[in-house]
Amino acid sequence: MPEINCVHIAGNLTKDPTLRKTATGISVANFCIAVNRKYRDANNQMAEDVCYVGIVAWSKLAESCMEKLRTGNAILVDGELQSRKFHSEDGFSRSVVEIKAHRIQFLNKAEIKFDLDGAEAAPEWSDQFVEEEDQVKN
């Protein structure tokens, strides 16, 4: 059976991205988006839930996220699900499922002056995106 691991999700940043460097100097950005889901409850009334999804971006994509993304920005993320385990500060073993971004499209009406060619661009609605250049294995 073929294996498919492909995610497309749109949401708003819950806070500014954080950036760190690996021991080998590769940039890694982490941030979270809020995704709203509307549905009808048991009384047939409209209700809404929010799902918070962690995103991780690597290399130049991470650096572009740090430069351009801020709390509340709307983005579309194309990527894949990944899971990882770590030890928290309190010593407990934890696991997390997050999206490893391959492409991020900025959806905000904004003054984004960036495109893949390095040219200035400021469309009324940004349809710009940044793609992962070299896939980083982790």
N, C-alpha and C. Protein backbone atom coordinates (compact mmCIF):
# COMPACT_ATOMS: atom_id res chain seq x y z
N MET A 1 0.85 -1.17 0.00
CA MET A 1 0.00 0.00 0.00
C MET A 1 0.90 1.24 0.00
N PRO A 2 0.58 2.25 -0.81
CA PRO A 2 1.40 3.46 -0.83
C PRO A 2 1.25 4.25 0.47
N GLU A 3 2.32 4.93 0.82
CA GLU A 3 2.30 5.77 2.01
C GLU A 3 2.12 7.22 1.59
N ILE A 4 1.13 7.86 2.14
CA ILE A 4 0.86 9.27 1.84
C ILE A 4 0.88 10.04 3.15
N ASN A 5 1.68 11.07 3.20
CA ASN A 5 1.76 11.93 4.37
C ASN A 5 1.80 13.37 3.86
N CYS A 6 0.64 13.92 3.63
CA CYS A 6 0.52 15.25 3.03
C CYS A 6 -0.54 16.04 3.79
N VAL A 7 -0.18 17.25 4.24
CA VAL A 7 -1.10 18.08 5.00
C VAL A 7 -1.19 19.45 4.35
N HIS A 8 -2.40 19.96 4.20
CA HIS A 8 -2.65 21.34 3.76
C HIS A 8 -3.58 21.93 4.80
N ILE A 9 -3.14 23.01 5.44
CA ILE A 9 -3.95 23.58 6.52
C ILE A 9 -3.76 25.09 6.56
N ALA A 10 -4.83 25.79 6.85
CA ALA A 10 -4.79 27.25 6.94
C ALA A 10 -5.23 27.66 8.34
N GLY A 11 -4.58 28.70 8.86
CA GLY A 11 -4.93 29.20 10.18
C GLY A 11 -4.20 30.49 10.47
N ASN A 12 -4.34 30.96 11.71
CA ASN A 12 -3.71 32.21 12.14
C ASN A 12 -2.69 31.92 13.23
N LEU A 13 -1.53 32.60 13.15
CA LEU A 13 -0.49 32.41 14.15
C LEU A 13 -0.99 32.84 15.52
N THR A 14 -0.72 32.01 16.52
CA THR A 14 -1.14 32.34 17.89
C THR A 14 -0.11 33.22 18.59
N LYS A 15 1.15 33.17 18.15
CA LYS A 15 2.19 34.08 18.64
C LYS A 15 3.33 34.07 17.63
N ASP A 16 4.25 35.00 17.79
CA ASP A 16 5.38 35.10 16.87
C ASP A 16 6.20 33.80 16.88
N PRO A 17 6.78 33.44 15.73
CA PRO A 17 7.64 32.24 15.69
C PRO A 17 8.87 32.40 16.57
N THR A 18 9.41 31.28 17.02
CA THR A 18 10.69 31.28 17.72
C THR A 18 11.71 30.61 16.82
N LEU A 19 12.95 31.08 16.87
CA LEU A 19 14.00 30.55 16.02
C LEU A 19 15.14 30.03 16.89
N ARG A 20 15.67 28.90 16.50
CA ARG A 20 16.87 28.37 17.15
C ARG A 20 17.75 27.78 16.05
N LYS A 21 18.97 27.45 16.41
CA LYS A 21 19.91 26.83 15.47
C LYS A 21 20.28 25.45 16.03
N THR A 22 20.41 24.49 15.11
CA THR A 22 20.87 23.17 15.53
C THR A 22 22.37 23.24 15.80
N ALA A 23 22.94 22.16 16.31
CA ALA A 23 24.37 22.12 16.58
C ALA A 23 25.19 22.33 15.31
N THR A 24 24.61 21.99 14.15
CA THR A 24 25.30 22.16 12.87
C THR A 24 24.96 23.49 12.20
N GLY A 25 24.22 24.37 12.90
CA GLY A 25 23.95 25.70 12.39
C GLY A 25 22.72 25.85 11.51
N ILE A 26 21.88 24.83 11.45
CA ILE A 26 20.66 24.90 10.63
C ILE A 26 19.56 25.61 11.41
N SER A 27 18.89 26.56 10.77
CA SER A 27 17.80 27.32 11.41
C SER A 27 16.54 26.47 11.51
N VAL A 28 15.87 26.59 12.67
CA VAL A 28 14.60 25.89 12.91
C VAL A 28 13.64 26.89 13.55
N ALA A 29 12.48 27.08 12.93
CA ALA A 29 11.45 27.95 13.49
C ALA A 29 10.27 27.10 13.94
N ASN A 30 9.73 27.42 15.10
CA ASN A 30 8.54 26.76 15.62
C ASN A 30 7.48 27.81 15.89
N PHE A 31 6.24 27.47 15.52
CA PHE A 31 5.11 28.33 15.83
C PHE A 31 3.84 27.51 15.80
N CYS A 32 2.77 28.12 16.21
CA CYS A 32 1.49 27.43 16.31
C CYS A 32 0.44 28.24 15.56
N ILE A 33 -0.47 27.53 14.90
CA ILE A 33 -1.60 28.21 14.27
C ILE A 33 -2.90 27.72 14.90
N ALA A 34 -3.88 28.60 14.90
CA ALA A 34 -5.22 28.26 15.37
C ALA A 34 -6.10 28.06 14.14
N VAL A 35 -6.79 26.92 14.12
CA VAL A 35 -7.67 26.57 13.00
C VAL A 35 -9.08 26.44 13.55
N ASN A 36 -10.00 27.23 13.02
CA ASN A 36 -11.38 27.21 13.49
C ASN A 36 -12.19 26.16 12.74
N ARG A 37 -13.12 25.54 13.47
CA ARG A 37 -14.02 24.55 12.88
C ARG A 37 -15.44 24.88 13.32
N LYS A 38 -16.30 25.10 12.37
CA LYS A 38 -17.70 25.39 12.67
C LYS A 38 -18.53 24.13 12.44
N TYR A 39 -19.51 23.92 13.31
CA TYR A 39 -20.37 22.74 13.22
C TYR A 39 -21.69 23.01 13.92
N ARG A 40 -22.63 22.13 13.75
CA ARG A 40 -23.91 22.23 14.46
C ARG A 40 -23.87 21.31 15.68
N ASP A 41 -24.26 21.86 16.83
CA ASP A 41 -24.25 21.07 18.05
C ASP A 41 -25.51 20.21 18.15
N ALA A 42 -25.68 19.54 19.28
CA ALA A 42 -26.83 18.64 19.48
C ALA A 42 -28.16 19.36 19.39
N ASN A 43 -28.18 20.68 19.66
CA ASN A 43 -29.41 21.48 19.57
C ASN A 43 -29.56 22.15 18.21
N ASN A 44 -28.75 21.72 17.25
CA ASN A 44 -28.77 22.25 15.90
C ASN A 44 -28.37 23.73 15.83
N GLN A 45 -27.63 24.18 16.83
CA GLN A 45 -27.10 25.55 16.86
C GLN A 45 -25.67 25.54 16.34
N MET A 46 -25.30 26.62 15.67
CA MET A 46 -23.93 26.72 15.19
C MET A 46 -22.98 26.89 16.37
N ALA A 47 -21.90 26.12 16.36
CA ALA A 47 -20.88 26.19 17.40
C ALA A 47 -19.52 26.23 16.70
N GLU A 48 -18.51 26.55 17.47
CA GLU A 48 -17.17 26.65 16.90
C GLU A 48 -16.13 26.10 17.87
N ASP A 49 -15.20 25.34 17.34
CA ASP A 49 -14.06 24.84 18.09
C ASP A 49 -12.79 25.40 17.48
N VAL A 50 -11.76 25.46 18.27
CA VAL A 50 -10.46 25.88 17.76
C VAL A 50 -9.47 24.73 17.99
N CYS A 51 -8.73 24.41 16.95
CA CYS A 51 -7.69 23.39 17.02
C CYS A 51 -6.35 24.10 16.88
N TYR A 52 -5.44 23.85 17.81
CA TYR A 52 -4.12 24.47 17.78
C TYR A 52 -3.13 23.46 17.21
N VAL A 53 -2.42 23.87 16.16
CA VAL A 53 -1.53 22.96 15.44
C VAL A 53 -0.11 23.53 15.44
N GLY A 54 0.84 22.72 15.87
CA GLY A 54 2.24 23.12 15.87
C GLY A 54 2.85 22.97 14.48
N ILE A 55 3.68 23.94 14.11
CA ILE A 55 4.35 23.95 12.81
C ILE A 55 5.85 24.08 13.06
N VAL A 56 6.66 23.35 12.29
CA VAL A 56 8.11 23.50 12.34
C VAL A 56 8.60 23.75 10.92
N ALA A 57 9.49 24.72 10.76
CA ALA A 57 10.07 25.06 9.46
C ALA A 57 11.59 25.04 9.60
N TRP A 58 12.27 24.64 8.55
CA TRP A 58 13.72 24.47 8.57
C TRP A 58 14.40 25.39 7.57
N SER A 59 15.65 25.69 7.82
CA SER A 59 16.57 26.40 6.92
C SER A 59 16.04 27.75 6.50
N LYS A 60 16.07 28.04 5.19
CA LYS A 60 15.64 29.35 4.69
C LYS A 60 14.17 29.59 4.93
N LEU A 61 13.38 28.54 4.89
CA LEU A 61 11.96 28.68 5.19
C LEU A 61 11.78 29.18 6.62
N ALA A 62 12.56 28.65 7.55
CA ALA A 62 12.50 29.10 8.95
C ALA A 62 12.88 30.57 9.07
N GLU A 63 13.92 30.97 8.38
CA GLU A 63 14.37 32.35 8.43
C GLU A 63 13.33 33.30 7.83
N SER A 64 12.68 32.89 6.74
CA SER A 64 11.62 33.71 6.14
C SER A 64 10.43 33.84 7.08
N CYS A 65 10.11 32.76 7.78
CA CYS A 65 9.01 32.82 8.76
C CYS A 65 9.33 33.81 9.87
N MET A 66 10.56 33.78 10.36
CA MET A 66 10.95 34.69 11.43
C MET A 66 10.88 36.14 10.96
N GLU A 67 11.25 36.36 9.73
CA GLU A 67 11.27 37.72 9.19
C GLU A 67 9.87 38.25 8.90
N LYS A 68 8.97 37.41 8.43
CA LYS A 68 7.70 37.89 7.88
C LYS A 68 6.47 37.59 8.72
N LEU A 69 6.51 36.59 9.58
CA LEU A 69 5.29 36.18 10.28
C LEU A 69 5.19 36.80 11.66
N ARG A 70 3.98 37.22 12.01
CA ARG A 70 3.69 37.79 13.31
C ARG A 70 2.36 37.24 13.83
N THR A 71 2.16 37.38 15.11
CA THR A 71 0.92 36.94 15.75
C THR A 71 -0.29 37.44 14.96
N GLY A 72 -1.22 36.53 14.68
CA GLY A 72 -2.45 36.87 13.98
C GLY A 72 -2.39 36.71 12.48
N ASN A 73 -1.19 36.60 11.89
CA ASN A 73 -1.09 36.44 10.44
C ASN A 73 -1.79 35.17 9.98
N ALA A 74 -2.46 35.28 8.85
CA ALA A 74 -3.11 34.11 8.24
C ALA A 74 -2.13 33.48 7.26
N ILE A 75 -1.99 32.15 7.36
CA ILE A 75 -1.09 31.42 6.47
C ILE A 75 -1.72 30.12 6.02
N LEU A 76 -1.21 29.61 4.91
CA LEU A 76 -1.55 28.28 4.40
C LEU A 76 -0.26 27.48 4.44
N VAL A 77 -0.30 26.32 5.08
CA VAL A 77 0.89 25.49 5.22
C VAL A 77 0.68 24.19 4.45
N ASP A 78 1.66 23.85 3.62
CA ASP A 78 1.72 22.54 2.97
C ASP A 78 2.90 21.82 3.59
N GLY A 79 2.68 20.60 4.03
CA GLY A 79 3.77 19.87 4.66
C GLY A 79 3.40 18.44 4.95
N GLU A 80 4.03 17.89 5.96
CA GLU A 80 3.79 16.50 6.34
C GLU A 80 3.74 16.40 7.86
N LEU A 81 3.00 15.42 8.36
CA LEU A 81 2.96 15.18 9.79
C LEU A 81 4.24 14.49 10.22
N GLN A 82 4.73 14.89 11.38
CA GLN A 82 5.88 14.20 11.97
C GLN A 82 5.66 14.13 13.47
N SER A 83 6.19 13.11 14.07
CA SER A 83 6.12 13.00 15.53
C SER A 83 7.54 12.99 16.07
N ARG A 84 7.68 13.48 17.28
CA ARG A 84 8.99 13.48 17.93
C ARG A 84 8.79 13.34 19.43
N LYS A 85 9.80 12.83 20.08
CA LYS A 85 9.80 12.67 21.53
C LYS A 85 10.88 13.55 22.11
N PHE A 86 10.63 14.03 23.32
CA PHE A 86 11.61 14.86 24.02
C PHE A 86 11.36 14.76 25.51
N HIS A 87 12.33 15.24 26.27
CA HIS A 87 12.18 15.29 27.73
C HIS A 87 11.91 16.72 28.13
N SER A 88 10.85 16.93 28.89
CA SER A 88 10.48 18.27 29.34
C SER A 88 11.40 18.71 30.46
N GLU A 89 11.29 19.98 30.82
CA GLU A 89 12.13 20.53 31.89
C GLU A 89 11.88 19.84 33.23
N ASP A 90 10.68 19.30 33.40
CA ASP A 90 10.37 18.59 34.65
C ASP A 90 10.81 17.13 34.62
N GLY A 91 11.51 16.73 33.54
CA GLY A 91 12.09 15.39 33.46
C GLY A 91 11.20 14.32 32.86
N PHE A 92 9.98 14.67 32.47
CA PHE A 92 9.07 13.69 31.91
C PHE A 92 9.29 13.54 30.41
N SER A 93 9.08 12.34 29.93
CA SER A 93 9.16 12.07 28.49
C SER A 93 7.85 12.51 27.84
N ARG A 94 7.95 13.28 26.79
CA ARG A 94 6.77 13.80 26.08
C ARG A 94 6.88 13.45 24.61
N SER A 95 5.75 13.47 23.94
CA SER A 95 5.74 13.30 22.48
C SER A 95 4.79 14.34 21.90
N VAL A 96 5.06 14.71 20.66
CA VAL A 96 4.25 15.72 20.00
C VAL A 96 4.12 15.34 18.53
N VAL A 97 2.96 15.64 17.96
CA VAL A 97 2.74 15.50 16.52
C VAL A 97 2.59 16.92 15.99
N GLU A 98 3.36 17.24 14.96
CA GLU A 98 3.35 18.58 14.40
C GLU A 98 3.47 18.48 12.89
N ILE A 99 3.35 19.63 12.23
CA ILE A 99 3.50 19.66 10.78
C ILE A 99 4.87 20.19 10.43
N LYS A 100 5.61 19.43 9.65
CA LYS A 100 6.88 19.89 9.11
C LYS A 100 6.54 20.60 7.80
N ALA A 101 6.73 21.92 7.78
CA ALA A 101 6.33 22.72 6.62
C ALA A 101 7.29 22.55 5.45
N HIS A 102 6.72 22.39 4.27
CA HIS A 102 7.49 22.40 3.03
C HIS A 102 7.26 23.70 2.27
N ARG A 103 6.07 24.27 2.46
CA ARG A 103 5.70 25.49 1.75
C ARG A 103 4.74 26.28 2.65
N ILE A 104 4.95 27.58 2.73
CA ILE A 104 4.06 28.44 3.50
C ILE A 104 3.64 29.60 2.63
N GLN A 105 2.34 29.78 2.54
CA GLN A 105 1.80 30.90 1.75
C GLN A 105 1.22 31.92 2.72
N PHE A 106 1.64 33.17 2.54
CA PHE A 106 1.17 34.26 3.38
C PHE A 106 -0.16 34.74 2.83
N LEU A 107 -1.19 34.74 3.64
CA LEU A 107 -2.54 35.06 3.17
C LEU A 107 -3.01 36.45 3.57
N ASN A 108 -2.26 37.15 4.39
CA ASN A 108 -2.71 38.44 4.88
C ASN A 108 -2.65 39.54 3.84
N LYS A 109 -3.57 40.46 3.96
CA LYS A 109 -3.49 41.71 3.24
C LYS A 109 -2.39 42.47 3.97
N ALA A 110 -1.25 42.65 3.30
CA ALA A 110 -0.10 43.15 4.04
C ALA A 110 0.90 43.82 3.13
N GLU A 111 1.94 44.30 3.76
CA GLU A 111 3.03 44.94 3.05
C GLU A 111 4.21 43.99 2.97
N ILE A 112 3.97 42.78 2.51
CA ILE A 112 5.06 41.83 2.39
C ILE A 112 5.86 42.20 1.17
N LYS A 113 7.13 42.47 1.38
CA LYS A 113 8.00 42.89 0.28
C LYS A 113 9.05 41.82 0.06
N PHE A 114 8.59 40.64 -0.36
CA PHE A 114 9.50 39.52 -0.48
C PHE A 114 8.93 38.55 -1.49
N ASP A 115 9.76 38.06 -2.37
CA ASP A 115 9.37 36.93 -3.19
C ASP A 115 10.58 36.06 -3.42
N LEU A 116 10.39 34.95 -4.10
CA LEU A 116 11.47 33.99 -4.24
C LEU A 116 12.63 34.52 -5.06
N ASP A 117 12.39 35.52 -5.91
CA ASP A 117 13.46 36.11 -6.71
C ASP A 117 14.15 37.26 -5.99
N GLY A 118 13.69 37.60 -4.81
CA GLY A 118 14.25 38.70 -4.06
C GLY A 118 13.70 40.05 -4.48
N ALA A 119 12.74 40.05 -5.41
CA ALA A 119 12.16 41.30 -5.89
C ALA A 119 11.10 41.79 -4.92
N GLU A 120 10.90 43.11 -4.90
CA GLU A 120 9.85 43.65 -4.04
C GLU A 120 8.50 43.31 -4.64
N ALA A 121 7.56 43.07 -3.77
CA ALA A 121 6.20 42.78 -4.20
C ALA A 121 5.27 43.19 -3.07
N ALA A 122 4.19 43.87 -3.40
CA ALA A 122 3.22 44.25 -2.38
C ALA A 122 1.82 44.21 -2.97
N PRO A 123 1.33 43.01 -3.29
CA PRO A 123 -0.02 42.91 -3.83
C PRO A 123 -1.04 43.25 -2.75
N GLU A 124 -2.26 43.59 -3.18
CA GLU A 124 -3.28 43.91 -2.20
C GLU A 124 -3.47 42.74 -1.25
N TRP A 125 -3.60 41.54 -1.79
CA TRP A 125 -3.65 40.33 -0.97
C TRP A 125 -2.42 39.54 -1.32
N SER A 126 -1.65 39.19 -0.35
CA SER A 126 -0.42 38.48 -0.62
C SER A 126 -0.71 37.06 -1.04
N ASP A 127 -0.20 36.70 -2.21
CA ASP A 127 -0.29 35.31 -2.64
C ASP A 127 1.11 34.72 -2.72
N GLN A 128 2.01 35.32 -1.96
CA GLN A 128 3.39 34.88 -1.98
C GLN A 128 3.57 33.67 -1.09
N PHE A 129 4.57 32.90 -1.43
CA PHE A 129 4.87 31.73 -0.62
C PHE A 129 6.36 31.52 -0.59
N VAL A 130 6.78 30.74 0.36
CA VAL A 130 8.17 30.34 0.47
C VAL A 130 8.18 28.83 0.55
N GLU A 131 9.08 28.21 -0.19
CA GLU A 131 9.19 26.77 -0.17
C GLU A 131 10.50 26.34 0.46
N GLU A 132 10.46 25.16 1.01
CA GLU A 132 11.66 24.56 1.57
C GLU A 132 12.60 24.22 0.42
N GLU A 133 13.85 24.66 0.49
CA GLU A 133 14.78 24.41 -0.60
C GLU A 133 15.39 23.02 -0.51
N ASP A 134 16.03 22.74 0.58
CA ASP A 134 16.66 21.44 0.77
C ASP A 134 15.96 20.73 1.91
N GLN A 135 15.47 19.55 1.63
CA GLN A 135 14.77 18.80 2.66
C GLN A 135 15.76 18.42 3.75
N VAL A 136 15.46 18.79 4.97
CA VAL A 136 16.32 18.47 6.10
C VAL A 136 15.74 17.23 6.78
N LYS A 137 16.53 16.22 6.92
CA LYS A 137 16.08 15.00 7.60
C LYS A 137 16.32 15.16 9.09
N ASN A 138 15.31 14.85 9.86
CA ASN A 138 15.48 14.92 11.31
C ASN A 138 14.81 13.76 11.97
